[in-house]
C-alpha atoms as a PDB file:
ATOM      1  CA  UNK A   1     120.786  16.806  63.900  1.00  0.00           C
ATOM      2  CA  UNK A   2     123.902  14.488  62.225  1.00  0.00           C
ATOM      3  CA  UNK A   3     123.383  13.704  58.524  1.00  0.00           C
ATOM      4  CA  UNK A   4     123.075   9.986  58.898  1.00  0.00           C
ATOM      5  CA  UNK A   5     120.330  10.747  61.271  1.00  0.00           C
ATOM      6  CA  UNK A   6     118.425  13.069  58.933  1.00  0.00           C
ATOM      7  CA  UNK A   7     118.960  10.627  55.857  1.00  0.00           C
ATOM      8  CA  UNK A   8     117.298   7.963  57.998  1.00  0.00           C
ATOM      9  CA  UNK A   9     114.592  10.334  59.167  1.00  0.00           C
ATOM     10  CA  UNK A  10     113.541  11.537  55.388  1.00  0.00           C
ATOM     11  CA  UNK A  11     113.862   7.701  54.702  1.00  0.00           C
ATOM     12  CA  UNK A  12     111.141   6.500  56.922  1.00  0.00           C
ATOM     13  CA  UNK A  13     109.033   9.363  55.587  1.00  0.00           C
ATOM     14  CA  UNK A  14     109.460   8.401  51.893  1.00  0.00           C
ATOM     15  CA  UNK A  15     108.938   4.732  53.116  1.00  0.00           C
ATOM     16  CA  UNK A  16     105.131   5.577  52.828  1.00  0.00           C
ATOM     17  CA  UNK A  17     105.088   6.947  49.667  1.00  0.00           C
ATOM     18  CA  UNK A  18     107.627   4.827  47.911  1.00  0.00           C
ATOM     19  CA  UNK A  19     105.029   3.231  45.689  1.00  0.00           C
ATOM     20  CA  UNK A  20     103.964   6.504  44.026  1.00  0.00           C
ATOM     21  CA  UNK A  21     107.425   7.373  42.304  1.00  0.00           C
ATOM     22  CA  UNK A  22     106.004   6.341  38.919  1.00  0.00           C
ATOM     23  CA  UNK A  23     103.384   8.892  39.293  1.00  0.00           C
ATOM     24  CA  UNK A  24     105.930  11.571  38.978  1.00  0.00           C
ATOM     25  CA  UNK A  25     108.106   9.833  36.395  1.00  0.00           C
ATOM     26  CA  UNK A  26     105.115   9.378  34.049  1.00  0.00           C
ATOM     27  CA  UNK A  27     104.343  13.052  33.706  1.00  0.00           C
ATOM     28  CA  UNK A  28     107.927  13.639  33.109  1.00  0.00           C
ATOM     29  CA  UNK A  29     108.310  10.696  30.226  1.00  0.00           C
ATOM     30  CA  UNK A  30     104.846  12.148  28.616  1.00  0.00           C
ATOM     31  CA  UNK A  31     106.587  15.717  28.242  1.00  0.00           C
ATOM     32  CA  UNK A  32     109.939  14.103  27.088  1.00  0.00           C
ATOM     33  CA  UNK A  33     108.286  12.403  24.125  1.00  0.00           C
ATOM     34  CA  UNK A  34     106.129  15.510  23.761  1.00  0.00           C
ATOM     35  CA  UNK A  35     109.139  17.565  23.220  1.00  0.00           C
ATOM     36  CA  UNK A  36     110.819  14.958  21.028  1.00  0.00           C
ATOM     37  CA  UNK A  37     108.152  15.442  18.555  1.00  0.00           C
ATOM     38  CA  UNK A  38     107.921  19.400  18.798  1.00  0.00           C
ATOM     39  CA  UNK A  39     111.490  19.301  17.511  1.00  0.00           C
ATOM     40  CA  UNK A  40     111.878  16.228  15.099  1.00  0.00           C
ATOM     41  CA  UNK A  41     108.792  14.329  14.751  1.00  0.00           C
ATOM     42  CA  UNK A  42     110.473  11.857  12.802  1.00  0.00           C
ATOM     43  CA  UNK A  43     112.836  10.529  15.911  1.00  0.00           C
ATOM     44  CA  UNK A  44     110.035   8.038  16.897  1.00  0.00           C
ATOM     45  CA  UNK A  45     109.710   6.413  13.166  1.00  0.00           C
ATOM     46  CA  UNK A  46     107.605   3.086  13.033  1.00  0.00           C
ATOM     47  CA  UNK A  47     110.935   1.181  13.338  1.00  0.00           C
ATOM     48  CA  UNK A  48     112.454   2.739  16.348  1.00  0.00           C
ATOM     49  CA  UNK A  49     109.186   2.870  18.427  1.00  0.00           C
ATOM     50  CA  UNK A  50     108.761  -1.011  17.904  1.00  0.00           C
ATOM     51  CA  UNK A  51     112.358  -1.056  19.435  1.00  0.00           C
ATOM     52  CA  UNK A  52     111.701   0.966  22.452  1.00  0.00           C
ATOM     53  CA  UNK A  53     108.190  -0.610  23.018  1.00  0.00           C
ATOM     54  CA  UNK A  54     109.709  -3.880  22.898  1.00  0.00           C
ATOM     55  CA  UNK A  55     112.981  -3.154  24.941  1.00  0.00           C
ATOM     56  CA  UNK A  56     110.823  -1.300  27.620  1.00  0.00           C
ATOM     57  CA  UNK A  57     108.685  -4.459  27.920  1.00  0.00           C
ATOM     58  CA  UNK A  58     111.236  -6.549  28.161  1.00  0.00           C
ATOM     59  CA  UNK A  59     113.088  -4.348  30.874  1.00  0.00           C
ATOM     60  CA  UNK A  60     109.872  -3.923  32.870  1.00  0.00           C
ATOM     61  CA  UNK A  61     109.522  -7.877  32.964  1.00  0.00           C
ATOM     62  CA  UNK A  62     112.876  -8.322  33.936  1.00  0.00           C
ATOM     63  CA  UNK A  63     112.282  -6.193  37.250  1.00  0.00           C
ATOM     64  CA  UNK A  64     108.911  -8.063  37.753  1.00  0.00           C
ATOM     65  CA  UNK A  65     110.852 -11.182  37.525  1.00  0.00           C
ATOM     66  CA  UNK A  66     113.215 -10.282  40.377  1.00  0.00           C
ATOM     67  CA  UNK A  67     110.136  -9.163  42.395  1.00  0.00           C
ATOM     68  CA  UNK A  68     108.641 -12.979  41.666  1.00  0.00           C
ATOM     69  CA  UNK A  69     111.748 -14.839  42.488  1.00  0.00           C
ATOM     70  CA  UNK A  70     112.228 -12.584  45.430  1.00  0.00           C
ATOM     71  CA  UNK A  71     108.631 -12.840  46.818  1.00  0.00           C
ATOM     72  CA  UNK A  72     108.179 -16.431  46.159  1.00  0.00           C
ATOM     73  CA  UNK A  73     110.575 -17.828  48.522  1.00  0.00           C
ATOM     74  CA  UNK A  74     109.822 -15.341  51.126  1.00  0.00           C
ATOM     75  CA  UNK A  75     107.758 -16.121  54.921  1.00  0.00           C
ATOM     76  CA  UNK A  76     105.177 -14.142  56.161  1.00  0.00           C
ATOM     77  CA  UNK A  77     106.049 -10.848  57.299  1.00  0.00           C
ATOM     78  CA  UNK A  78     108.801  -9.938  55.289  1.00  0.00           C
ATOM     79  CA  UNK A  79     108.858  -8.209  51.922  1.00  0.00           C
ATOM     80  CA  UNK A  80     105.762  -6.638  52.075  1.00  0.00           C
ATOM     81  CA  UNK A  81     104.635  -3.345  51.006  1.00  0.00           C
ATOM     82  CA  UNK A  82     103.511  -2.556  54.621  1.00  0.00           C
ATOM     83  CA  UNK A  83     102.597   1.288  53.252  1.00  0.00           C
ATOM     84  CA  UNK A  84      99.876   1.842  56.240  1.00  0.00           C
ATOM     85  CA  UNK A  85     101.585   0.376  59.379  1.00  0.00           C
ATOM     86  CA  UNK A  86     105.543   1.529  58.678  1.00  0.00           C
ATOM     87  CA  UNK A  87     107.921  -1.252  58.436  1.00  0.00           C
ATOM     88  CA  UNK A  88     107.533  -4.970  59.706  1.00  0.00           C
ATOM     89  CA  UNK A  89     109.745  -7.896  59.320  1.00  0.00           C
ATOM     90  CA  UNK A  90     109.538 -10.704  61.504  1.00  0.00           C
ATOM     91  CA  UNK A  91     112.694 -12.032  60.442  1.00  0.00           C
ATOM     92  CA  UNK A  92     115.893 -11.469  58.799  1.00  0.00           C
ATOM     93  CA  UNK A  93     115.724 -13.157  54.962  1.00  0.00           C
ATOM     94  CA  UNK A  94     119.224 -14.148  54.422  1.00  0.00           C
ATOM     95  CA  UNK A  95     118.489 -16.935  51.361  1.00  0.00           C
ATOM     96  CA  UNK A  96     117.426 -16.911  47.993  1.00  0.00           C
ATOM     97  CA  UNK A  97     117.368 -13.078  46.186  1.00  0.00           C
ATOM     98  CA  UNK A  98     118.466 -11.901  49.821  1.00  0.00           C
ATOM     99  CA  UNK A  99     121.400 -13.965  49.572  1.00  0.00           C
ATOM    100  CA  UNK A 100     122.775 -11.865  46.509  1.00  0.00           C
ATOM    101  CA  UNK A 101     121.582  -8.477  47.345  1.00  0.00           C
ATOM    102  CA  UNK A 102     120.215  -6.927  50.337  1.00  0.00           C
ATOM    103  CA  UNK A 103     117.230  -5.030  48.427  1.00  0.00           C
ATOM    104  CA  UNK A 104     116.091  -7.318  45.823  1.00  0.00           C
ATOM    105  CA  UNK A 105     112.756  -5.601  45.774  1.00  0.00           C
ATOM    106  CA  UNK A 106     113.930  -2.175  45.043  1.00  0.00           C
ATOM    107  CA  UNK A 107     116.392  -3.659  42.470  1.00  0.00           C
ATOM    108  CA  UNK A 108     113.053  -5.601  40.957  1.00  0.00           C
ATOM    109  CA  UNK A 109     111.117  -1.738  41.129  1.00  0.00           C
ATOM    110  CA  UNK A 110     114.398   0.011  39.655  1.00  0.00           C
ATOM    111  CA  UNK A 111     113.747  -2.239  36.518  1.00  0.00           C
ATOM    112  CA  UNK A 112     110.400  -2.006  36.125  1.00  0.00           C
ATOM    113  CA  UNK A 113     110.390   1.795  36.211  1.00  0.00           C
ATOM    114  CA  UNK A 114     113.301   1.967  34.086  1.00  0.00           C
ATOM    115  CA  UNK A 115     111.201   0.499  31.355  1.00  0.00           C
ATOM    116  CA  UNK A 116     109.147   3.684  31.407  1.00  0.00           C
ATOM    117  CA  UNK A 117     112.178   5.719  30.696  1.00  0.00           C
ATOM    118  CA  UNK A 118     113.556   3.357  28.252  1.00  0.00           C
ATOM    119  CA  UNK A 119     110.326   4.084  26.108  1.00  0.00           C
ATOM    120  CA  UNK A 120     111.249   7.590  25.767  1.00  0.00           C
ATOM    121  CA  UNK A 121     114.209   6.591  23.900  1.00  0.00           C
ATOM    122  CA  UNK A 122     116.287   9.133  25.430  1.00  0.00           C
ATOM    123  CA  UNK A 123     119.682   7.524  27.333  1.00  0.00           C
ATOM    124  CA  UNK A 124     119.967  10.769  29.144  1.00  0.00           C
ATOM    125  CA  UNK A 125     116.381  10.582  30.603  1.00  0.00           C
ATOM    126  CA  UNK A 126     117.503   7.251  31.735  1.00  0.00           C
ATOM    127  CA  UNK A 127     120.420   8.262  33.375  1.00  0.00           C
ATOM    128  CA  UNK A 128     118.584  11.010  35.218  1.00  0.00           C
ATOM    129  CA  UNK A 129     115.675   8.657  36.555  1.00  0.00           C
ATOM    130  CA  UNK A 130     118.675   6.218  37.932  1.00  0.00           C
ATOM    131  CA  UNK A 131     120.214   9.235  39.765  1.00  0.00           C
ATOM    132  CA  UNK A 132     117.045  10.222  41.260  1.00  0.00           C
ATOM    133  CA  UNK A 133     116.112   6.765  41.939  1.00  0.00           C
ATOM    134  CA  UNK A 134     119.375   6.080  43.992  1.00  0.00           C
ATOM    135  CA  UNK A 135     118.937   9.480  45.792  1.00  0.00           C
ATOM    136  CA  UNK A 136     115.344   8.707  46.557  1.00  0.00           C
ATOM    137  CA  UNK A 137     115.690   5.029  47.522  1.00  0.00           C
ATOM    138  CA  UNK A 138     119.119   5.158  49.449  1.00  0.00           C
ATOM    139  CA  UNK A 139     117.455   7.432  52.039  1.00  0.00           C
ATOM    140  CA  UNK A 140     114.492   4.365  52.404  1.00  0.00           C
ATOM    141  CA  UNK A 141     117.779   1.668  52.444  1.00  0.00           C
ATOM    142  CA  UNK A 142     119.250   3.658  55.143  1.00  0.00           C
ATOM    143  CA  UNK A 143     116.198   3.665  57.167  1.00  0.00           C
ATOM    144  CA  UNK A 144     115.133  -0.045  56.592  1.00  0.00           C
ATOM    145  CA  UNK A 145     118.486  -0.992  57.312  1.00  0.00           C
ATOM    146  CA  UNK A 146     118.452   1.187  60.770  1.00  0.00           C
ATOM    147  CA  UNK A 147     115.440  -0.480  61.670  1.00  0.00           C
ATOM    148  CA  UNK A 148     116.936  -3.787  61.132  1.00  0.00           C
ATOM    149  CA  UNK A 149     119.742  -3.249  63.092  1.00  0.00           C
ATOM    150  CA  UNK A 150     117.782  -1.972  66.033  1.00  0.00           C
ATOM    151  CA  UNK A 151     115.700  -5.258  66.004  1.00  0.00           C
ATOM    152  CA  UNK A 152     118.062  -7.917  64.779  1.00  0.00           C
ATOM    153  CA  UNK A 153     121.528  -6.485  65.910  1.00  0.00           C
ATOM    154  CA  UNK A 154     124.573  -8.448  65.023  1.00  0.00           C
ATOM    155  CA  UNK A 155     122.176 -11.128  63.271  1.00  0.00           C
ATOM    156  CA  UNK A 156     121.585  -8.493  60.361  1.00  0.00           C
ATOM    157  CA  UNK A 157     124.910  -6.656  60.608  1.00  0.00           C
ATOM    158  CA  UNK A 158     127.076 -10.045  59.707  1.00  0.00           C
ATOM    159  CA  UNK A 159     124.391 -10.968  57.108  1.00  0.00           C
ATOM    160  CA  UNK A 160     124.886  -7.268  55.460  1.00  0.00           C
ATOM    161  CA  UNK A 161     128.904  -7.320  55.786  1.00  0.00           C
ATOM    162  CA  UNK A 162     128.701 -10.008  53.045  1.00  0.00           C
ATOM    163  CA  UNK A 163     125.854  -9.401  50.839  1.00  0.00           C
ATOM    164  CA  UNK A 164     125.772  -5.746  48.789  1.00  0.00           C
ATOM    165  CA  UNK A 165     123.183  -3.558  49.416  1.00  0.00           C
ATOM    166  CA  UNK A 166     122.071  -3.098  45.465  1.00  0.00           C
ATOM    167  CA  UNK A 167     124.217  -4.486  42.983  1.00  0.00           C
ATOM    168  CA  UNK A 168     123.684  -8.496  43.087  1.00  0.00           C
ATOM    169  CA  UNK A 169     126.895 -10.993  43.549  1.00  0.00           C
ATOM    170  CA  UNK A 170     125.465 -14.181  42.151  1.00  0.00           C
ATOM    171  CA  UNK A 171     128.382 -16.109  43.498  1.00  0.00           C
ATOM    172  CA  UNK A 172     126.918 -15.887  47.098  1.00  0.00           C
ATOM    173  CA  UNK A 173     123.417 -17.489  46.409  1.00  0.00           C
ATOM    174  CA  UNK A 174     122.057 -19.615  48.974  1.00  0.00           C
ATOM    175  CA  UNK A 175     118.951 -21.839  48.086  1.00  0.00           C
ATOM    176  CA  UNK A 176     116.029 -21.152  50.243  1.00  0.00           C
ATOM    177  CA  UNK A 177     114.675 -23.760  52.716  1.00  0.00           C
ATOM    178  CA  UNK A 178     111.112 -22.766  51.782  1.00  0.00           C
ATOM    179  CA  UNK A 179     109.366 -24.071  48.602  1.00  0.00           C
ATOM    180  CA  UNK A 180     108.064 -21.400  45.860  1.00  0.00           C
ATOM    181  CA  UNK A 181     104.875 -20.269  46.752  1.00  0.00           C
ATOM    182  CA  UNK A 182     102.786 -19.236  43.749  1.00  0.00           C
ATOM    183  CA  UNK A 183      99.932 -18.297  45.979  1.00  0.00           C
ATOM    184  CA  UNK A 184     101.991 -15.522  47.548  1.00  0.00           C
ATOM    185  CA  UNK A 185     103.277 -13.959  44.315  1.00  0.00           C
ATOM    186  CA  UNK A 186      99.446 -14.175  43.069  1.00  0.00           C
ATOM    187  CA  UNK A 187      98.717 -12.168  45.983  1.00  0.00           C
ATOM    188  CA  UNK A 188     101.500  -9.711  46.024  1.00  0.00           C
ATOM    189  CA  UNK A 189     102.604  -9.183  42.428  1.00  0.00           C
ATOM    190  CA  UNK A 190      99.240  -8.853  40.511  1.00  0.00           C
ATOM    191  CA  UNK A 191      99.453  -5.140  40.892  1.00  0.00           C
ATOM    192  CA  UNK A 192     103.043  -5.088  39.131  1.00  0.00           C
ATOM    193  CA  UNK A 193     101.607  -6.770  36.111  1.00  0.00           C
ATOM    194  CA  UNK A 194      98.722  -4.561  35.352  1.00  0.00           C
ATOM    195  CA  UNK A 195     100.846  -1.472  35.922  1.00  0.00           C
ATOM    196  CA  UNK A 196     103.552  -2.814  33.497  1.00  0.00           C
ATOM    197  CA  UNK A 197     100.758  -2.848  30.503  1.00  0.00           C
ATOM    198  CA  UNK A 198      98.730  -0.121  31.658  1.00  0.00           C
ATOM    199  CA  UNK A 199     101.292   2.265  31.672  1.00  0.00           C
ATOM    200  CA  UNK A 200     103.191   1.284  28.806  1.00  0.00           C
ATOM    201  CA  UNK A 201      99.794   0.893  26.931  1.00  0.00           C
ATOM    202  CA  UNK A 202      99.080   4.731  27.951  1.00  0.00           C
ATOM    203  CA  UNK A 203     102.213   5.859  26.552  1.00  0.00           C
ATOM    204  CA  UNK A 204     102.086   4.145  23.530  1.00  0.00           C
ATOM    205  CA  UNK A 205      98.735   5.891  22.939  1.00  0.00           C
ATOM    206  CA  UNK A 206     100.162   9.308  23.692  1.00  0.00           C
ATOM    207  CA  UNK A 207     103.260   8.544  21.207  1.00  0.00           C
ATOM    208  CA  UNK A 208     100.808   7.389  18.464  1.00  0.00           C
ATOM    209  CA  UNK A 209      98.311  10.428  19.043  1.00  0.00           C
ATOM    210  CA  UNK A 210     101.308  12.856  18.845  1.00  0.00           C
ATOM    211  CA  UNK A 211     102.350  11.111  15.809  1.00  0.00           C
ATOM    212  CA  UNK A 212      99.057  11.185  13.893  1.00  0.00           C
ATOM    213  CA  UNK A 213      96.931  13.453  15.842  1.00  0.00           C
ATOM    214  CA  UNK A 214      94.566  10.358  16.191  1.00  0.00           C
ATOM    215  CA  UNK A 215      93.828   8.308  19.336  1.00  0.00           C
ATOM    216  CA  UNK A 216      94.205   4.554  18.439  1.00  0.00           C
ATOM    217  CA  UNK A 217      93.379   2.439  21.685  1.00  0.00           C
ATOM    218  CA  UNK A 218      95.008  -0.639  19.730  1.00  0.00           C
ATOM    219  CA  UNK A 219      98.126   0.903  18.168  1.00  0.00           C
ATOM    220  CA  UNK A 220     100.337  -1.782  20.168  1.00  0.00           C
ATOM    221  CA  UNK A 221      98.112  -4.809  20.393  1.00  0.00           C
ATOM    222  CA  UNK A 222     100.319  -6.556  22.800  1.00  0.00           C
ATOM    223  CA  UNK A 223      99.758  -3.827  24.974  1.00  0.00           C
ATOM    224  CA  UNK A 224      96.162  -3.456  24.303  1.00  0.00           C
ATOM    225  CA  UNK A 225      95.578  -6.965  24.830  1.00  0.00           C
ATOM    226  CA  UNK A 226      98.273  -7.275  27.833  1.00  0.00           C
ATOM    227  CA  UNK A 227      96.229  -4.612  29.601  1.00  0.00           C
ATOM    228  CA  UNK A 228      92.805  -6.207  29.512  1.00  0.00           C
ATOM    229  CA  UNK A 229      94.156  -9.269  30.173  1.00  0.00           C
ATOM    230  CA  UNK A 230      96.096  -8.027  33.625  1.00  0.00           C
ATOM    231  CA  UNK A 231      92.874  -6.185  34.375  1.00  0.00           C
ATOM    232  CA  UNK A 232      90.957  -9.290  34.297  1.00  0.00           C
ATOM    233  CA  UNK A 233      93.555 -11.232  36.313  1.00  0.00           C
ATOM    234  CA  UNK A 234      93.734  -8.551  38.848  1.00  0.00           C
ATOM    235  CA  UNK A 235      90.187  -8.302  39.651  1.00  0.00           C
ATOM    236  CA  UNK A 236      89.744 -12.155  39.651  1.00  0.00           C
ATOM    237  CA  UNK A 237      92.672 -12.360  42.300  1.00  0.00           C
ATOM    238  CA  UNK A 238      91.245  -9.303  43.843  1.00  0.00           C
ATOM    239  CA  UNK A 239      87.868 -10.905  44.399  1.00  0.00           C
ATOM    240  CA  UNK A 240      89.359 -14.221  45.340  1.00  0.00           C
ATOM    241  CA  UNK A 241      91.326 -12.695  47.821  1.00  0.00           C
ATOM    242  CA  UNK A 242      88.533 -10.968  49.880  1.00  0.00           C
ATOM    243  CA  UNK A 243      85.984 -13.395  49.578  1.00  0.00           C
ATOM    244  CA  UNK A 244      87.814 -16.840  50.012  1.00  0.00           C
ATOM    245  CA  UNK A 245      91.084 -18.377  51.917  1.00  0.00           C
ATOM    246  CA  UNK A 246      92.223 -19.785  48.637  1.00  0.00           C
ATOM    247  CA  UNK A 247      95.552 -17.829  48.692  1.00  0.00           C
ATOM    248  CA  UNK A 248      96.089 -18.013  51.789  1.00  0.00           C
ATOM    249  CA  UNK A 249      99.216 -20.126  53.203  1.00  0.00           C
ATOM    250  CA  UNK A 250     100.230 -20.676  56.809  1.00  0.00           C
ATOM    251  CA  UNK A 251     103.491 -18.949  57.319  1.00  0.00           C
ATOM    252  CA  UNK A 252     103.538 -17.397  54.018  1.00  0.00           C
END
């Protein structure tokens, strides 16, 4: 099998499980923090822990904002998770975030997950995560682009020739003809908001436990209350989605 076809085949397989990379990242991050306390328990002093806490949260939210801007301006049957049924694309998105970068959702995911690596305070771990992320998603992006070329042909390749794959070119920005859909964002991105607070809260509890040998559920109030509030929002929106049509919009 040609190397390009092998990469695409791998990408099609990984596409189904692309939402689960944090499940691999999180235990490794826990281990990095644990080993740091074993070798130097002063590394995470109060001031440095606060710095890493806030920096991690900022990086995660930066990624979430990229996803929100992307999803809010897209039509139906594009920019979805589509994990169960495989790849779906009704049209080529070429405006909004898609006018600056070909894979804006994966760019947003990168920063959201990078925040987890930032929490550890180790630049080598952030670099290692970036390398793994690129190797993992390079295959998924290759598979997606092969799918899009097969479906849309020159319409896709002409757009792809002028838009970078992963590092945005803001000078090529084109506004979407669609209005921003807060309903679509609420439906699609509630998971991300909860995941940010929940994961950082768990990591904060772990770091605090290693430092004090005590389980302190409220060691960082913003993570504790952020998790409670975002979990409440998630459950309410989930109930609304499955019991009413309040969040539905035609064509979105």
